[in-house]
Amino acid sequence: MTNGVKTIIYPVKDLAKAKAIYSALLGVQPYMDEPYYVGFSVEGQDLGLDPQGHKKGMTAPVAYWHVDDIKAAVQGLLDAGAHALQEVKDVGKGKLIASVTDPDGNVVGLIQPA
């Protein structure tokens, strides 16, 4: 079961510059501001900046679908023909993320909130 796309993560090379640009665009300061991730929240939508994204293979922003059971969602996508990209990983406080690619190489991100 999905709860919709609620998070988009951008790979960035210069975190400080990206943070300034997205702060100006969104009109808010980040709710999380760490060297490894900067997160903004506006009207129920999260926007993240990942300075390690390019090293992880991200070539563009990735939309993350929020799901109730990430392991079942990943398995369902794999069974339907997707390919594993990032295994389920706890990114802090019980929040789990994973990603797969569809047959055309598009990245599908999944998040199970804590």
Foldseek 3Di string as FASTA:
>chain_A
DWPFFAEKEFEDQDVVVVQVVVCVVQVHHFPDDDPQKTWHDDPSHIYMYGPCCVVLVDPGIETEIEDQDVVVVVVVQVVVPWAWRAPWDDPDPRKIKGWTAHPVRHIYIYIHGD
